[in-house]
Amino acid sequence: MAKMFISKFGGSLIAISLYCFFKISREVYNQGKSE
């Protein structure tokens, strides 16, 4: 049960980090485009 929870938590953690990465890279891309 604990192993399942860890794998579930790890999956959501990866999804969150991927989302943040894309969000930040998009902001940086937009800033570079506007300059």
PDB file of N, CA and C in Angstrom:
ATOM      1  N   MET A   1       0.836  -1.204   0.000  1.00  0.00           N
ATOM      2  CA  MET A   1       0.000   0.000   0.000  1.00  0.00           C
ATOM      3  C   MET A   1       0.878   1.265   0.000  1.00  0.00           C
ATOM      4  N   ALA A   2       1.902   1.258   0.836  1.00  0.00           N
ATOM      5  CA  ALA A   2       2.790   2.416   0.891  1.00  0.00           C
ATOM      6  C   ALA A   2       3.508   2.608  -0.444  1.00  0.00           C
ATOM      7  N   LYS A   3       3.874   1.467  -1.055  1.00  0.00           N
ATOM      8  CA  LYS A   3       4.571   1.536  -2.345  1.00  0.00           C
ATOM      9  C   LYS A   3       3.663   2.166  -3.406  1.00  0.00           C
ATOM     10  N   MET A   4       2.386   1.795  -3.390  1.00  0.00           N
ATOM     11  CA  MET A   4       1.426   2.342  -4.347  1.00  0.00           C
ATOM     12  C   MET A   4       1.275   3.849  -4.148  1.00  0.00           C
ATOM     13  N   PHE A   5       1.219   4.268  -2.899  1.00  0.00           N
ATOM     14  CA  PHE A   5       1.067   5.693  -2.585  1.00  0.00           C
ATOM     15  C   PHE A   5       2.269   6.476  -3.094  1.00  0.00           C
ATOM     16  N   ILE A   6       3.465   5.916  -2.883  1.00  0.00           N
ATOM     17  CA  ILE A   6       4.696   6.585  -3.311  1.00  0.00           C
ATOM     18  C   ILE A   6       4.724   6.721  -4.834  1.00  0.00           C
ATOM     19  N   SER A   7       4.337   5.650  -5.534  1.00  0.00           N
ATOM     20  CA  SER A   7       4.352   5.696  -6.994  1.00  0.00           C
ATOM     21  C   SER A   7       3.314   6.696  -7.506  1.00  0.00           C
ATOM     22  N   LYS A   8       2.164   6.752  -6.842  1.00  0.00           N
ATOM     23  CA  LYS A   8       1.120   7.715  -7.227  1.00  0.00           C
ATOM     24  C   LYS A   8       1.613   9.133  -6.974  1.00  0.00           C
ATOM     25  N   PHE A   9       2.215   9.351  -5.814  1.00  0.00           N
ATOM     26  CA  PHE A   9       2.723  10.671  -5.450  1.00  0.00           C
ATOM     27  C   PHE A   9       3.841  11.084  -6.404  1.00  0.00           C
ATOM     28  N   GLY A  10       4.713  10.124  -6.731  1.00  0.00           N
ATOM     29  CA  GLY A  10       5.818  10.410  -7.646  1.00  0.00           C
ATOM     30  C   GLY A  10       5.301  10.801  -9.023  1.00  0.00           C
ATOM     31  N   GLY A  11       4.242  10.122  -9.469  1.00  0.00           N
ATOM     32  CA  GLY A  11       3.671  10.434 -10.779  1.00  0.00           C
ATOM     33  C   GLY A  11       3.113  11.847 -10.817  1.00  0.00           C
ATOM     34  N   SER A  12       2.394  12.233  -9.759  1.00  0.00           N
ATOM     35  CA  SER A  12       1.829  13.581  -9.712  1.00  0.00           C
ATOM     36  C   SER A  12       2.942  14.616  -9.583  1.00  0.00           C
ATOM     37  N   LEU A  13       4.005  14.266  -8.863  1.00  0.00           N
ATOM     38  CA  LEU A  13       5.131  15.178  -8.697  1.00  0.00           C
ATOM     39  C   LEU A  13       5.787  15.448 -10.046  1.00  0.00           C
ATOM     40  N   ILE A  14       5.947  14.391 -10.851  1.00  0.00           N
ATOM     41  CA  ILE A  14       6.534  14.537 -12.183  1.00  0.00           C
ATOM     42  C   ILE A  14       5.631  15.413 -13.050  1.00  0.00           C
ATOM     43  N   ALA A  15       4.320  15.189 -12.956  1.00  0.00           N
ATOM     44  CA  ALA A  15       3.369  15.977 -13.752  1.00  0.00           C
ATOM     45  C   ALA A  15       3.432  17.454 -13.360  1.00  0.00           C
ATOM     46  N   ILE A  16       3.526  17.724 -12.068  1.00  0.00           N
ATOM     47  CA  ILE A  16       3.586  19.104 -11.577  1.00  0.00           C
ATOM     48  C   ILE A  16       4.878  19.779 -12.039  1.00  0.00           C
ATOM     49  N   SER A  17       6.004  19.071 -11.928  1.00  0.00           N
ATOM     50  CA  SER A  17       7.280  19.653 -12.342  1.00  0.00           C
ATOM     51  C   SER A  17       7.301  19.902 -13.846  1.00  0.00           C
ATOM     52  N   LEU A  18       6.702  18.977 -14.618  1.00  0.00           N
ATOM     53  CA  LEU A  18       6.620  19.162 -16.074  1.00  0.00           C
ATOM     54  C   LEU A  18       5.765  20.383 -16.392  1.00  0.00           C
ATOM     55  N   TYR A  19       4.646  20.539 -15.705  1.00  0.00           N
ATOM     56  CA  TYR A  19       3.747  21.678 -15.908  1.00  0.00           C
ATOM     57  C   TYR A  19       4.472  22.987 -15.595  1.00  0.00           C
ATOM     58  N   CYS A  20       5.182  23.014 -14.465  1.00  0.00           N
ATOM     59  CA  CYS A  20       5.926  24.217 -14.081  1.00  0.00           C
ATOM     60  C   CYS A  20       7.008  24.521 -15.110  1.00  0.00           C
ATOM     61  N   PHE A  21       7.694  23.494 -15.585  1.00  0.00           N
ATOM     62  CA  PHE A  21       8.766  23.675 -16.568  1.00  0.00           C
ATOM     63  C   PHE A  21       8.223  24.303 -17.848  1.00  0.00           C
ATOM     64  N   PHE A  22       7.102  23.781 -18.338  1.00  0.00           N
ATOM     65  CA  PHE A  22       6.509  24.319 -19.568  1.00  0.00           C
ATOM     66  C   PHE A  22       6.015  25.747 -19.349  1.00  0.00           C
ATOM     67  N   LYS A  23       5.443  26.014 -18.187  1.00  0.00           N
ATOM     68  CA  LYS A  23       4.921  27.346 -17.879  1.00  0.00           C
ATOM     69  C   LYS A  23       6.063  28.365 -17.854  1.00  0.00           C
ATOM     70  N   ILE A  24       7.161  28.018 -17.183  1.00  0.00           N
ATOM     71  CA  ILE A  24       8.308  28.919 -17.077  1.00  0.00           C
ATOM     72  C   ILE A  24       8.947  29.133 -18.447  1.00  0.00           C
ATOM     73  N   SER A  25       9.131  28.040 -19.199  1.00  0.00           N
ATOM     74  CA  SER A  25       9.775  28.151 -20.512  1.00  0.00           C
ATOM     75  C   SER A  25       8.912  28.995 -21.454  1.00  0.00           C
ATOM     76  N   ARG A  26       7.594  28.891 -21.328  1.00  0.00           N
ATOM     77  CA  ARG A  26       6.705  29.682 -22.173  1.00  0.00           C
ATOM     78  C   ARG A  26       6.826  31.170 -21.822  1.00  0.00           C
ATOM     79  N   GLU A  27       6.921  31.476 -20.527  1.00  0.00           N
ATOM     80  CA  GLU A  27       7.063  32.872 -20.106  1.00  0.00           C
ATOM     81  C   GLU A  27       8.382  33.445 -20.609  1.00  0.00           C
ATOM     82  N   VAL A  28       9.445  32.657 -20.496  1.00  0.00           N
ATOM     83  CA  VAL A  28      10.765  33.101 -20.953  1.00  0.00           C
ATOM     84  C   VAL A  28      10.743  33.316 -22.463  1.00  0.00           C
ATOM     85  N   TYR A  29      10.076  32.412 -23.178  1.00  0.00           N
ATOM     86  CA  TYR A  29       9.971  32.520 -24.641  1.00  0.00           C
ATOM     87  C   TYR A  29       9.213  33.787 -25.030  1.00  0.00           C
ATOM     88  N   ASN A  30       8.121  34.074 -24.324  1.00  0.00           N
ATOM     89  CA  ASN A  30       7.328  35.272 -24.613  1.00  0.00           C
ATOM     90  C   ASN A  30       8.122  36.539 -24.311  1.00  0.00           C
ATOM     91  N   GLN A  31       8.893  36.528 -23.231  1.00  0.00           N
ATOM     92  CA  GLN A  31       9.700  37.695 -22.868  1.00  0.00           C
ATOM     93  C   GLN A  31      10.766  37.946 -23.929  1.00  0.00           C
ATOM     94  N   GLY A  32      11.411  36.883 -24.388  1.00  0.00           N
ATOM     95  CA  GLY A  32      12.446  37.020 -25.413  1.00  0.00           C
ATOM     96  C   GLY A  32      11.855  37.496 -26.729  1.00  0.00           C
ATOM     97  N   LYS A  33      10.619  37.110 -27.001  1.00  0.00           N
ATOM     98  CA  LYS A  33       9.948  37.489 -28.249  1.00  0.00           C
ATOM     99  C   LYS A  33       9.578  38.976 -28.227  1.00  0.00           C
ATOM    100  N   SER A  34       9.120  39.466 -27.075  1.00  0.00           N
ATOM    101  CA  SER A  34       8.650  40.848 -26.977  1.00  0.00           C
ATOM    102  C   SER A  34       9.817  41.839 -27.025  1.00  0.00           C
ATOM    103  N   GLU A  35      10.995  41.434 -26.562  1.00  0.00           N
ATOM    104  CA  GLU A  35      12.140  42.347 -26.516  1.00  0.00           C
ATOM    105  C   GLU A  35      12.644  42.711 -27.894  1.00  0.00           C
TER     106      GLU A  35
END
